[in-house]
Amino acid sequence: MKTITIRDLRQRWPEAEAALKVENEILITRDSKPVAMLVRVNPAANARARWDMKAHARWQKRIAGGKLSRSDATLAQSRADRALIGKPK
């Protein structure tokens, strides 16, 4: 098992991260005494589902019934006089 000091962990994180890809565990020491263990996490097991914009839009339409909220209407009204950049007049 690889060991690394707290100081080296702070100052040389990229090397520690690279070592963690090879090793499953890294022992962290302070004054030559073990204080913690750094373990690799399986990212696939802990992965969150990505936010799906289309599914959210369907949900929003279903909940709102196709109506604009007051804040949406106010925003639309305040932005109505703005010219879009790059759009021909």
N, C-alpha and C. Protein backbone atom coordinates (compact mmCIF):
# COMPACT_ATOMS: atom_id res chain seq x y z
N MET A 1 0.85 -1.18 0.00
CA MET A 1 0.00 0.00 0.00
C MET A 1 0.89 1.23 0.00
N LYS A 2 0.53 2.18 -0.82
CA LYS A 2 1.29 3.42 -0.95
C LYS A 2 0.95 4.34 0.22
N THR A 3 1.96 5.08 0.69
CA THR A 3 1.74 6.07 1.74
C THR A 3 2.13 7.45 1.22
N ILE A 4 1.48 8.47 1.79
CA ILE A 4 1.76 9.84 1.41
C ILE A 4 1.52 10.72 2.64
N THR A 5 2.31 11.76 2.77
CA THR A 5 2.12 12.67 3.90
C THR A 5 1.00 13.65 3.58
N ILE A 6 0.44 14.24 4.64
CA ILE A 6 -0.61 15.24 4.44
C ILE A 6 -0.07 16.40 3.61
N ARG A 7 1.17 16.81 3.89
CA ARG A 7 1.77 17.92 3.16
C ARG A 7 1.89 17.60 1.67
N ASP A 8 2.39 16.39 1.37
CA ASP A 8 2.51 15.99 -0.04
C ASP A 8 1.14 15.89 -0.71
N LEU A 9 0.16 15.45 0.04
CA LEU A 9 -1.19 15.36 -0.51
C LEU A 9 -1.72 16.73 -0.90
N ARG A 10 -1.49 17.73 -0.04
CA ARG A 10 -1.94 19.08 -0.35
C ARG A 10 -1.16 19.69 -1.50
N GLN A 11 0.15 19.51 -1.50
CA GLN A 11 1.00 20.18 -2.48
C GLN A 11 1.12 19.43 -3.80
N ARG A 12 0.87 18.15 -3.79
CA ARG A 12 1.04 17.34 -5.00
C ARG A 12 -0.19 16.49 -5.29
N TRP A 13 -1.36 17.12 -5.25
CA TRP A 13 -2.60 16.38 -5.48
C TRP A 13 -2.63 15.65 -6.82
N PRO A 14 -2.18 16.25 -7.93
CA PRO A 14 -2.24 15.50 -9.20
C PRO A 14 -1.48 14.18 -9.16
N GLU A 15 -0.33 14.17 -8.50
CA GLU A 15 0.42 12.91 -8.39
C GLU A 15 -0.31 11.90 -7.51
N ALA A 16 -0.91 12.38 -6.43
CA ALA A 16 -1.67 11.49 -5.54
C ALA A 16 -2.88 10.92 -6.26
N GLU A 17 -3.54 11.76 -7.04
CA GLU A 17 -4.70 11.29 -7.79
C GLU A 17 -4.30 10.25 -8.83
N ALA A 18 -3.16 10.47 -9.49
CA ALA A 18 -2.66 9.50 -10.47
C ALA A 18 -2.30 8.18 -9.78
N ALA A 19 -1.70 8.27 -8.60
CA ALA A 19 -1.35 7.06 -7.86
C ALA A 19 -2.60 6.31 -7.42
N LEU A 20 -3.65 7.04 -7.11
CA LEU A 20 -4.90 6.41 -6.68
C LEU A 20 -5.55 5.64 -7.82
N LYS A 21 -5.27 6.02 -9.06
CA LYS A 21 -5.80 5.27 -10.20
C LYS A 21 -5.15 3.90 -10.30
N VAL A 22 -3.89 3.81 -9.82
CA VAL A 22 -3.16 2.54 -9.87
C VAL A 22 -3.43 1.73 -8.61
N GLU A 23 -3.34 2.40 -7.47
CA GLU A 23 -3.56 1.76 -6.17
C GLU A 23 -5.04 1.87 -5.80
N ASN A 24 -5.53 0.96 -5.01
CA ASN A 24 -6.90 1.08 -4.52
C ASN A 24 -6.98 1.95 -3.27
N GLU A 25 -5.90 1.97 -2.50
CA GLU A 25 -5.87 2.71 -1.25
C GLU A 25 -4.54 3.42 -1.09
N ILE A 26 -4.57 4.60 -0.49
CA ILE A 26 -3.34 5.32 -0.14
C ILE A 26 -3.45 5.69 1.33
N LEU A 27 -2.43 5.36 2.10
CA LEU A 27 -2.39 5.68 3.52
C LEU A 27 -1.82 7.08 3.69
N ILE A 28 -2.52 7.93 4.41
CA ILE A 28 -2.08 9.30 4.64
C ILE A 28 -1.47 9.38 6.03
N THR A 29 -0.27 9.97 6.11
CA THR A 29 0.44 10.01 7.39
C THR A 29 0.75 11.44 7.82
N ARG A 30 0.90 11.60 9.13
CA ARG A 30 1.39 12.85 9.72
C ARG A 30 2.40 12.44 10.78
N ASP A 31 3.58 13.01 10.69
CA ASP A 31 4.67 12.65 11.61
C ASP A 31 4.91 11.14 11.63
N SER A 32 4.88 10.54 10.47
CA SER A 32 5.11 9.11 10.25
C SER A 32 4.06 8.22 10.90
N LYS A 33 2.93 8.78 11.31
CA LYS A 33 1.85 7.99 11.89
C LYS A 33 0.63 8.06 10.99
N PRO A 34 -0.02 6.93 10.76
CA PRO A 34 -1.20 6.95 9.89
C PRO A 34 -2.35 7.74 10.52
N VAL A 35 -2.97 8.61 9.70
CA VAL A 35 -4.09 9.41 10.19
C VAL A 35 -5.36 9.19 9.37
N ALA A 36 -5.21 8.76 8.12
CA ALA A 36 -6.38 8.57 7.26
C ALA A 36 -6.03 7.65 6.11
N MET A 37 -7.06 7.20 5.44
CA MET A 37 -6.86 6.37 4.26
C MET A 37 -7.70 6.94 3.13
N LEU A 38 -7.08 7.10 1.99
CA LEU A 38 -7.75 7.60 0.80
C LEU A 38 -8.07 6.39 -0.08
N VAL A 39 -9.34 6.22 -0.42
CA VAL A 39 -9.74 5.07 -1.22
C VAL A 39 -10.38 5.53 -2.51
N ARG A 40 -10.24 4.74 -3.53
CA ARG A 40 -10.82 5.04 -4.82
C ARG A 40 -12.31 4.69 -4.79
N VAL A 41 -13.11 5.55 -5.40
CA VAL A 41 -14.55 5.35 -5.46
C VAL A 41 -14.91 4.94 -6.88
N ASN A 42 -15.81 3.99 -6.99
CA ASN A 42 -16.28 3.57 -8.30
C ASN A 42 -17.27 4.62 -8.79
N PRO A 43 -16.91 5.44 -9.79
CA PRO A 43 -17.80 6.52 -10.21
C PRO A 43 -19.11 6.03 -10.81
N ALA A 44 -19.13 4.86 -11.41
CA ALA A 44 -20.36 4.36 -12.03
C ALA A 44 -21.40 4.03 -10.96
N ALA A 45 -20.96 3.56 -9.81
CA ALA A 45 -21.90 3.18 -8.75
C ALA A 45 -22.52 4.41 -8.10
N ASN A 46 -21.79 5.52 -8.08
CA ASN A 46 -22.27 6.72 -7.41
C ASN A 46 -22.71 7.82 -8.37
N ALA A 47 -22.82 7.50 -9.63
CA ALA A 47 -23.12 8.53 -10.63
C ALA A 47 -24.58 8.98 -10.52
N ARG A 48 -24.77 10.29 -10.61
CA ARG A 48 -26.12 10.85 -10.64
C ARG A 48 -26.62 10.83 -12.07
N ALA A 49 -27.91 10.74 -12.20
CA ALA A 49 -28.51 10.80 -13.53
C ALA A 49 -28.37 12.24 -14.04
N ARG A 50 -28.06 12.38 -15.29
CA ARG A 50 -27.93 13.71 -15.88
C ARG A 50 -29.29 14.36 -15.97
N TRP A 51 -29.31 15.69 -15.86
CA TRP A 51 -30.54 16.44 -15.96
C TRP A 51 -31.01 16.41 -17.40
N ASP A 52 -32.25 16.02 -17.61
CA ASP A 52 -32.80 15.92 -18.96
C ASP A 52 -33.71 17.12 -19.21
N MET A 53 -33.27 18.03 -20.06
CA MET A 53 -33.98 19.26 -20.33
C MET A 53 -35.36 18.98 -20.95
N LYS A 54 -35.44 18.05 -21.87
CA LYS A 54 -36.71 17.76 -22.53
C LYS A 54 -37.72 17.14 -21.55
N ALA A 55 -37.24 16.24 -20.70
CA ALA A 55 -38.14 15.65 -19.69
C ALA A 55 -38.61 16.71 -18.71
N HIS A 56 -37.74 17.62 -18.34
CA HIS A 56 -38.13 18.70 -17.44
C HIS A 56 -39.16 19.62 -18.10
N ALA A 57 -38.99 19.91 -19.38
CA ALA A 57 -39.94 20.75 -20.10
C ALA A 57 -41.31 20.07 -20.17
N ARG A 58 -41.32 18.75 -20.39
CA ARG A 58 -42.60 18.02 -20.41
C ARG A 58 -43.27 18.08 -19.04
N TRP A 59 -42.49 17.89 -17.99
CA TRP A 59 -43.02 17.96 -16.63
C TRP A 59 -43.58 19.35 -16.34
N GLN A 60 -42.82 20.37 -16.73
CA GLN A 60 -43.24 21.74 -16.48
C GLN A 60 -44.54 22.06 -17.23
N LYS A 61 -44.65 21.60 -18.45
CA LYS A 61 -45.86 21.84 -19.24
C LYS A 61 -47.05 21.11 -18.63
N ARG A 62 -46.81 19.89 -18.14
CA ARG A 62 -47.88 19.12 -17.53
C ARG A 62 -48.35 19.78 -16.23
N ILE A 63 -47.44 20.25 -15.42
CA ILE A 63 -47.77 20.87 -14.13
C ILE A 63 -48.43 22.23 -14.34
N ALA A 64 -47.89 23.05 -15.22
CA ALA A 64 -48.39 24.41 -15.42
C ALA A 64 -49.59 24.45 -16.35
N GLY A 65 -49.86 23.37 -17.05
CA GLY A 65 -50.99 23.36 -17.98
C GLY A 65 -50.78 24.26 -19.18
N GLY A 66 -49.54 24.54 -19.52
CA GLY A 66 -49.23 25.38 -20.67
C GLY A 66 -49.34 26.87 -20.39
N LYS A 67 -49.65 27.25 -19.15
CA LYS A 67 -49.78 28.66 -18.80
C LYS A 67 -48.43 29.22 -18.37
N LEU A 68 -48.22 30.49 -18.62
CA LEU A 68 -47.03 31.16 -18.15
C LEU A 68 -47.24 31.57 -16.69
N SER A 69 -46.21 31.45 -15.89
CA SER A 69 -46.32 31.93 -14.52
C SER A 69 -46.23 33.45 -14.51
N ARG A 70 -46.54 34.05 -13.40
CA ARG A 70 -46.47 35.52 -13.31
C ARG A 70 -45.06 36.01 -13.59
N SER A 71 -44.07 35.31 -13.07
CA SER A 71 -42.70 35.75 -13.29
C SER A 71 -42.31 35.61 -14.76
N ASP A 72 -42.79 34.55 -15.43
CA ASP A 72 -42.50 34.38 -16.85
C ASP A 72 -43.12 35.51 -17.67
N ALA A 73 -44.36 35.85 -17.35
CA ALA A 73 -45.04 36.92 -18.07
C ALA A 73 -44.35 38.26 -17.85
N THR A 74 -43.93 38.52 -16.62
CA THR A 74 -43.23 39.77 -16.30
C THR A 74 -41.90 39.84 -17.03
N LEU A 75 -41.17 38.75 -17.05
CA LEU A 75 -39.89 38.71 -17.77
C LEU A 75 -40.10 38.92 -19.26
N ALA A 76 -41.09 38.26 -19.82
CA ALA A 76 -41.36 38.40 -21.25
C ALA A 76 -41.72 39.85 -21.59
N GLN A 77 -42.51 40.48 -20.74
CA GLN A 77 -42.90 41.86 -20.98
C GLN A 77 -41.70 42.80 -20.87
N SER A 78 -40.84 42.57 -19.88
CA SER A 78 -39.69 43.47 -19.71
C SER A 78 -38.65 43.28 -20.81
N ARG A 79 -38.63 42.12 -21.43
CA ARG A 79 -37.64 41.85 -22.48
C ARG A 79 -38.18 42.07 -23.88
N ALA A 80 -39.43 42.41 -24.02
CA ALA A 80 -40.07 42.55 -25.33
C ALA A 80 -39.41 43.64 -26.19
N ASP A 81 -38.93 44.70 -25.56
CA ASP A 81 -38.36 45.81 -26.32
C ASP A 81 -36.89 45.62 -26.66
N ARG A 82 -36.27 44.55 -26.19
CA ARG A 82 -34.84 44.31 -26.45
C ARG A 82 -34.65 43.75 -27.85
N ALA A 83 -33.61 44.23 -28.51
CA ALA A 83 -33.23 43.69 -29.83
C ALA A 83 -32.24 42.55 -29.61
N LEU A 84 -32.42 41.48 -30.32
CA LEU A 84 -31.50 40.36 -30.23
C LEU A 84 -30.23 40.69 -30.99
N ILE A 85 -29.09 40.34 -30.43
CA ILE A 85 -27.81 40.58 -31.08
C ILE A 85 -27.65 39.62 -32.24
N GLY A 86 -27.27 40.15 -33.38
CA GLY A 86 -27.02 39.34 -34.55
C GLY A 86 -28.26 39.03 -35.38
N LYS A 87 -29.41 39.44 -34.91
CA LYS A 87 -30.65 39.19 -35.65
C LYS A 87 -30.92 40.40 -36.58
N PRO A 88 -31.14 40.14 -37.85
CA PRO A 88 -31.42 41.25 -38.77
C PRO A 88 -32.75 41.93 -38.42
N LYS A 89 -32.77 43.24 -38.58
CA LYS A 89 -33.99 44.00 -38.25
C LYS A 89 -34.95 44.04 -39.41
